[in-house]
Amino acid sequence: MVNYIKESFEELRANVTWPSWAEGQNLMVVVAVFSILFSLAVWGVDTALAKLIKLYFGAIN
């Protein structure tokens, strides 16, 4: 297990290409915007389905 951790850190240090600070910030903005848009889409679908369910069960009674 210790050997695995040492090799993992060595791979991160030697073989991984890290983005620049500015590129990292740009990617963070993209992820934040996508997350907000996705959450709004899920909220919209949830609201629409809730209204449909209320209409359906209201029509039964």
PDB file of N, CA and C in Angstrom:
ATOM      1  N   MET A   1       0.835  -1.195   0.000  1.00  0.00           N
ATOM      2  CA  MET A   1       0.000   0.000   0.000  1.00  0.00           C
ATOM      3  C   MET A   1       0.878   1.256   0.000  1.00  0.00           C
ATOM      4  N   VAL A   2       1.932   1.253   0.802  1.00  0.00           N
ATOM      5  CA  VAL A   2       2.826   2.412   0.876  1.00  0.00           C
ATOM      6  C   VAL A   2       3.500   2.627  -0.476  1.00  0.00           C
ATOM      7  N   ASN A   3       3.907   1.540  -1.119  1.00  0.00           N
ATOM      8  CA  ASN A   3       4.545   1.637  -2.427  1.00  0.00           C
ATOM      9  C   ASN A   3       3.576   2.235  -3.452  1.00  0.00           C
ATOM     10  N   TYR A   4       2.319   1.846  -3.404  1.00  0.00           N
ATOM     11  CA  TYR A   4       1.304   2.377  -4.316  1.00  0.00           C
ATOM     12  C   TYR A   4       1.159   3.890  -4.136  1.00  0.00           C
ATOM     13  N   ILE A   5       1.130   4.342  -2.903  1.00  0.00           N
ATOM     14  CA  ILE A   5       0.987   5.776  -2.627  1.00  0.00           C
ATOM     15  C   ILE A   5       2.212   6.535  -3.121  1.00  0.00           C
ATOM     16  N   LYS A   6       3.404   5.990  -2.885  1.00  0.00           N
ATOM     17  CA  LYS A   6       4.631   6.641  -3.357  1.00  0.00           C
ATOM     18  C   LYS A   6       4.633   6.746  -4.879  1.00  0.00           C
ATOM     19  N   GLU A   7       4.257   5.674  -5.559  1.00  0.00           N
ATOM     20  CA  GLU A   7       4.222   5.695  -7.018  1.00  0.00           C
ATOM     21  C   GLU A   7       3.169   6.663  -7.538  1.00  0.00           C
ATOM     22  N   SER A   8       2.051   6.775  -6.844  1.00  0.00           N
ATOM     23  CA  SER A   8       0.998   7.716  -7.255  1.00  0.00           C
ATOM     24  C   SER A   8       1.499   9.153  -7.171  1.00  0.00           C
ATOM     25  N   PHE A   9       2.158   9.492  -6.068  1.00  0.00           N
ATOM     26  CA  PHE A   9       2.697  10.845  -5.929  1.00  0.00           C
ATOM     27  C   PHE A   9       3.775  11.112  -6.976  1.00  0.00           C
ATOM     28  N   GLU A  10       4.598  10.134  -7.263  1.00  0.00           N
ATOM     29  CA  GLU A  10       5.639  10.307  -8.280  1.00  0.00           C
ATOM     30  C   GLU A  10       5.010  10.537  -9.651  1.00  0.00           C
ATOM     31  N   GLU A  11       3.959   9.805  -9.958  1.00  0.00           N
ATOM     32  CA  GLU A  11       3.277   9.996 -11.245  1.00  0.00           C
ATOM     33  C   GLU A  11       2.651  11.387 -11.324  1.00  0.00           C
ATOM     34  N   LEU A  12       2.035  11.841 -10.241  1.00  0.00           N
ATOM     35  CA  LEU A  12       1.451  13.191 -10.237  1.00  0.00           C
ATOM     36  C   LEU A  12       2.523  14.249 -10.438  1.00  0.00           C
ATOM     37  N   ARG A  13       3.672  14.055  -9.825  1.00  0.00           N
ATOM     38  CA  ARG A  13       4.747  15.042  -9.908  1.00  0.00           C
ATOM     39  C   ARG A  13       5.413  15.046 -11.283  1.00  0.00           C
ATOM     40  N   ALA A  14       5.623  13.868 -11.867  1.00  0.00           N
ATOM     41  CA  ALA A  14       6.444  13.767 -13.064  1.00  0.00           C
ATOM     42  C   ALA A  14       5.646  13.687 -14.369  1.00  0.00           C
ATOM     43  N   ASN A  15       4.485  13.071 -14.369  1.00  0.00           N
ATOM     44  CA  ASN A  15       3.812  12.757 -15.631  1.00  0.00           C
ATOM     45  C   ASN A  15       2.533  13.536 -15.900  1.00  0.00           C
ATOM     46  N   VAL A  16       2.003  14.215 -14.917  1.00  0.00           N
ATOM     47  CA  VAL A  16       0.743  14.939 -15.100  1.00  0.00           C
ATOM     48  C   VAL A  16       1.050  16.362 -15.548  1.00  0.00           C
ATOM     49  N   THR A  17       0.342  16.815 -16.586  1.00  0.00           N
ATOM     50  CA  THR A  17       0.485  18.192 -17.048  1.00  0.00           C
ATOM     51  C   THR A  17      -0.596  19.030 -16.381  1.00  0.00           C
ATOM     52  N   TRP A  18      -0.171  19.924 -15.522  1.00  0.00           N
ATOM     53  CA  TRP A  18      -1.112  20.755 -14.784  1.00  0.00           C
ATOM     54  C   TRP A  18      -1.424  22.021 -15.585  1.00  0.00           C
ATOM     55  N   PRO A  19      -2.677  22.489 -15.552  1.00  0.00           N
ATOM     56  CA  PRO A  19      -3.004  23.731 -16.269  1.00  0.00           C
ATOM     57  C   PRO A  19      -2.399  24.930 -15.541  1.00  0.00           C
ATOM     58  N   SER A  20      -2.258  26.024 -16.287  1.00  0.00           N
ATOM     59  CA  SER A  20      -1.787  27.256 -15.657  1.00  0.00           C
ATOM     60  C   SER A  20      -2.880  27.790 -14.720  1.00  0.00           C
ATOM     61  N   TRP A  21      -2.495  28.750 -13.886  1.00  0.00           N
ATOM     62  CA  TRP A  21      -3.456  29.314 -12.932  1.00  0.00           C
ATOM     63  C   TRP A  21      -4.624  29.974 -13.672  1.00  0.00           C
ATOM     64  N   ALA A  22      -4.332  30.716 -14.748  1.00  0.00           N
ATOM     65  CA  ALA A  22      -5.390  31.399 -15.505  1.00  0.00           C
ATOM     66  C   ALA A  22      -6.302  30.387 -16.185  1.00  0.00           C
ATOM     67  N   GLU A  23      -5.723  29.333 -16.745  1.00  0.00           N
ATOM     68  CA  GLU A  23      -6.543  28.308 -17.391  1.00  0.00           C
ATOM     69  C   GLU A  23      -7.422  27.587 -16.368  1.00  0.00           C
ATOM     70  N   GLY A  24      -6.868  27.350 -15.187  1.00  0.00           N
ATOM     71  CA  GLY A  24      -7.652  26.724 -14.116  1.00  0.00           C
ATOM     72  C   GLY A  24      -8.834  27.588 -13.699  1.00  0.00           C
ATOM     73  N   GLN A  25      -8.600  28.889 -13.628  1.00  0.00           N
ATOM     74  CA  GLN A  25      -9.695  29.796 -13.277  1.00  0.00           C
ATOM     75  C   GLN A  25     -10.768  29.803 -14.368  1.00  0.00           C
ATOM     76  N   ASN A  26     -10.362  29.799 -15.623  1.00  0.00           N
ATOM     77  CA  ASN A  26     -11.335  29.773 -16.723  1.00  0.00           C
ATOM     78  C   ASN A  26     -12.156  28.490 -16.686  1.00  0.00           C
ATOM     79  N   LEU A  27     -11.493  27.372 -16.438  1.00  0.00           N
ATOM     80  CA  LEU A  27     -12.213  26.103 -16.360  1.00  0.00           C
ATOM     81  C   LEU A  27     -13.176  26.084 -15.178  1.00  0.00           C
ATOM     82  N   MET A  28     -12.781  26.705 -14.068  1.00  0.00           N
ATOM     83  CA  MET A  28     -13.672  26.765 -12.909  1.00  0.00           C
ATOM     84  C   MET A  28     -14.934  27.554 -13.229  1.00  0.00           C
ATOM     85  N   VAL A  29     -14.800  28.631 -13.993  1.00  0.00           N
ATOM     86  CA  VAL A  29     -15.967  29.426 -14.390  1.00  0.00           C
ATOM     87  C   VAL A  29     -16.878  28.593 -15.284  1.00  0.00           C
ATOM     88  N   VAL A  30     -16.299  27.851 -16.212  1.00  0.00           N
ATOM     89  CA  VAL A  30     -17.100  27.002 -17.103  1.00  0.00           C
ATOM     90  C   VAL A  30     -17.877  25.969 -16.292  1.00  0.00           C
ATOM     91  N   VAL A  31     -17.212  25.329 -15.332  1.00  0.00           N
ATOM     92  CA  VAL A  31     -17.875  24.325 -14.498  1.00  0.00           C
ATOM     93  C   VAL A  31     -18.976  24.960 -13.664  1.00  0.00           C
ATOM     94  N   ALA A  32     -18.726  26.147 -13.101  1.00  0.00           N
ATOM     95  CA  ALA A  32     -19.738  26.825 -12.285  1.00  0.00           C
ATOM     96  C   ALA A  32     -20.967  27.185 -13.119  1.00  0.00           C
ATOM     97  N   VAL A  33     -20.760  27.725 -14.322  1.00  0.00           N
ATOM     98  CA  VAL A  33     -21.882  28.100 -15.182  1.00  0.00           C
ATOM     99  C   VAL A  33     -22.675  26.863 -15.586  1.00  0.00           C
ATOM    100  N   PHE A  34     -21.982  25.790 -15.985  1.00  0.00           N
ATOM    101  CA  PHE A  34     -22.675  24.560 -16.362  1.00  0.00           C
ATOM    102  C   PHE A  34     -23.470  24.005 -15.185  1.00  0.00           C
ATOM    103  N   SER A  35     -22.882  24.050 -13.986  1.00  0.00           N
ATOM    104  CA  SER A  35     -23.581  23.537 -12.802  1.00  0.00           C
ATOM    105  C   SER A  35     -24.852  24.330 -12.521  1.00  0.00           C
ATOM    106  N   ILE A  36     -24.780  25.628 -12.654  1.00  0.00           N
ATOM    107  CA  ILE A  36     -25.956  26.471 -12.429  1.00  0.00           C
ATOM    108  C   ILE A  36     -27.032  26.176 -13.473  1.00  0.00           C
ATOM    109  N   LEU A  37     -26.636  26.099 -14.751  1.00  0.00           N
ATOM    110  CA  LEU A  37     -27.609  25.808 -15.809  1.00  0.00           C
ATOM    111  C   LEU A  37     -28.239  24.431 -15.632  1.00  0.00           C
ATOM    112  N   PHE A  38     -27.438  23.441 -15.272  1.00  0.00           N
ATOM    113  CA  PHE A  38     -27.954  22.091 -15.072  1.00  0.00           C
ATOM    114  C   PHE A  38     -28.919  22.051 -13.888  1.00  0.00           C
ATOM    115  N   SER A  39     -28.582  22.752 -12.804  1.00  0.00           N
ATOM    116  CA  SER A  39     -29.477  22.755 -11.643  1.00  0.00           C
ATOM    117  C   SER A  39     -30.792  23.461 -11.968  1.00  0.00           C
ATOM    118  N   LEU A  40     -30.745  24.518 -12.779  1.00  0.00           N
ATOM    119  CA  LEU A  40     -31.983  25.185 -13.191  1.00  0.00           C
ATOM    120  C   LEU A  40     -32.832  24.276 -14.073  1.00  0.00           C
ATOM    121  N   ALA A  41     -32.189  23.496 -14.946  1.00  0.00           N
ATOM    122  CA  ALA A  41     -32.935  22.562 -15.793  1.00  0.00           C
ATOM    123  C   ALA A  41     -33.594  21.479 -14.948  1.00  0.00           C
ATOM    124  N   VAL A  42     -32.885  20.942 -13.977  1.00  0.00           N
ATOM    125  CA  VAL A  42     -33.456  19.916 -13.101  1.00  0.00           C
ATOM    126  C   VAL A  42     -34.605  20.500 -12.296  1.00  0.00           C
ATOM    127  N   TRP A  43     -34.445  21.719 -11.796  1.00  0.00           N
ATOM    128  CA  TRP A  43     -35.513  22.375 -11.043  1.00  0.00           C
ATOM    129  C   TRP A  43     -36.754  22.559 -11.924  1.00  0.00           C
ATOM    130  N   GLY A  44     -36.544  22.965 -13.182  1.00  0.00           N
ATOM    131  CA  GLY A  44     -37.673  23.169 -14.092  1.00  0.00           C
ATOM    132  C   GLY A  44     -38.423  21.878 -14.374  1.00  0.00           C
ATOM    133  N   VAL A  45     -37.698  20.799 -14.634  1.00  0.00           N
ATOM    134  CA  VAL A  45     -38.339  19.506 -14.884  1.00  0.00           C
ATOM    135  C   VAL A  45     -39.066  19.030 -13.631  1.00  0.00           C
ATOM    136  N   ASP A  46     -38.450  19.199 -12.482  1.00  0.00           N
ATOM    137  CA  ASP A  46     -39.080  18.787 -11.220  1.00  0.00           C
ATOM    138  C   ASP A  46     -40.373  19.561 -10.985  1.00  0.00           C
ATOM    139  N   THR A  47     -40.357  20.858 -11.231  1.00  0.00           N
ATOM    140  CA  THR A  47     -41.548  21.680 -11.043  1.00  0.00           C
ATOM    141  C   THR A  47     -42.659  21.270 -12.011  1.00  0.00           C
ATOM    142  N   ALA A  48     -42.286  21.032 -13.266  1.00  0.00           N
ATOM    143  CA  ALA A  48     -43.285  20.635 -14.263  1.00  0.00           C
ATOM    144  C   ALA A  48     -43.904  19.280 -13.909  1.00  0.00           C
ATOM    145  N   LEU A  49     -43.084  18.325 -13.520  1.00  0.00           N
ATOM    146  CA  LEU A  49     -43.618  17.010 -13.155  1.00  0.00           C
ATOM    147  C   LEU A  49     -44.482  17.084 -11.896  1.00  0.00           C
ATOM    148  N   ALA A  50     -44.105  17.910 -10.944  1.00  0.00           N
ATOM    149  CA  ALA A  50     -44.916  18.062  -9.737  1.00  0.00           C
ATOM    150  C   ALA A  50     -46.299  18.613 -10.081  1.00  0.00           C
ATOM    151  N   LYS A  51     -46.348  19.582 -11.009  1.00  0.00           N
ATOM    152  CA  LYS A  51     -47.641  20.143 -11.415  1.00  0.00           C
ATOM    153  C   LYS A  51     -48.486  19.110 -12.158  1.00  0.00           C
ATOM    154  N   LEU A  52     -47.843  18.307 -13.015  1.00  0.00           N
ATOM    155  CA  LEU A  52     -48.572  17.255 -13.724  1.00  0.00           C
ATOM    156  C   LEU A  52     -49.138  16.218 -12.758  1.00  0.00           C
ATOM    157  N   ILE A  53     -48.366  15.855 -11.766  1.00  0.00           N
ATOM    158  CA  ILE A  53     -48.841  14.874 -10.781  1.00  0.00           C
ATOM    159  C   ILE A  53     -50.011  15.441  -9.992  1.00  0.00           C
ATOM    160  N   LYS A  54     -49.940  16.725  -9.618  1.00  0.00           N
ATOM    161  CA  LYS A  54     -51.051  17.342  -8.896  1.00  0.00           C
ATOM    162  C   LYS A  54     -52.307  17.392  -9.757  1.00  0.00           C
ATOM    163  N   LEU A  55     -52.148  17.716 -11.033  1.00  0.00           N
ATOM    164  CA  LEU A  55     -53.299  17.729 -11.949  1.00  0.00           C
ATOM    165  C   LEU A  55     -53.892  16.333 -12.093  1.00  0.00           C
ATOM    166  N   TYR A  56     -53.046  15.333 -12.225  1.00  0.00           N
ATOM    167  CA  TYR A  56     -53.516  13.960 -12.400  1.00  0.00           C
ATOM    168  C   TYR A  56     -54.283  13.492 -11.178  1.00  0.00           C
ATOM    169  N   PHE A  57     -53.714  13.684 -10.002  1.00  0.00           N
ATOM    170  CA  PHE A  57     -54.390  13.194  -8.800  1.00  0.00           C
ATOM    171  C   PHE A  57     -55.569  14.089  -8.423  1.00  0.00           C
ATOM    172  N   GLY A  58     -55.556  15.350  -8.837  1.00  0.00           N
ATOM    173  CA  GLY A  58     -56.709  16.217  -8.625  1.00  0.00           C
ATOM    174  C   GLY A  58     -57.883  15.796  -9.490  1.00  0.00           C
ATOM    175  N   ALA A  59     -57.592  15.293 -10.682  1.00  0.00           N
ATOM    176  CA  ALA A  59     -58.659  14.861 -11.596  1.00  0.00           C
ATOM    177  C   ALA A  59     -59.287  13.560 -11.126  1.00  0.00           C
ATOM    178  N   ILE A  60     -58.543  12.731 -10.414  1.00  0.00           N
ATOM    179  CA  ILE A  60     -59.074  11.472  -9.932  1.00  0.00           C
ATOM    180  C   ILE A  60     -60.083  11.692  -8.797  1.00  0.00           C
ATOM    181  N   ASN A  61     -59.807  12.627  -7.922  1.00  0.00           N
ATOM    182  CA  ASN A  61     -60.693  12.855  -6.761  1.00  0.00           C
ATOM    183  C   ASN A  61     -61.940  13.494  -7.167  1.00  0.00           C
TER     184      ASN A  61
END
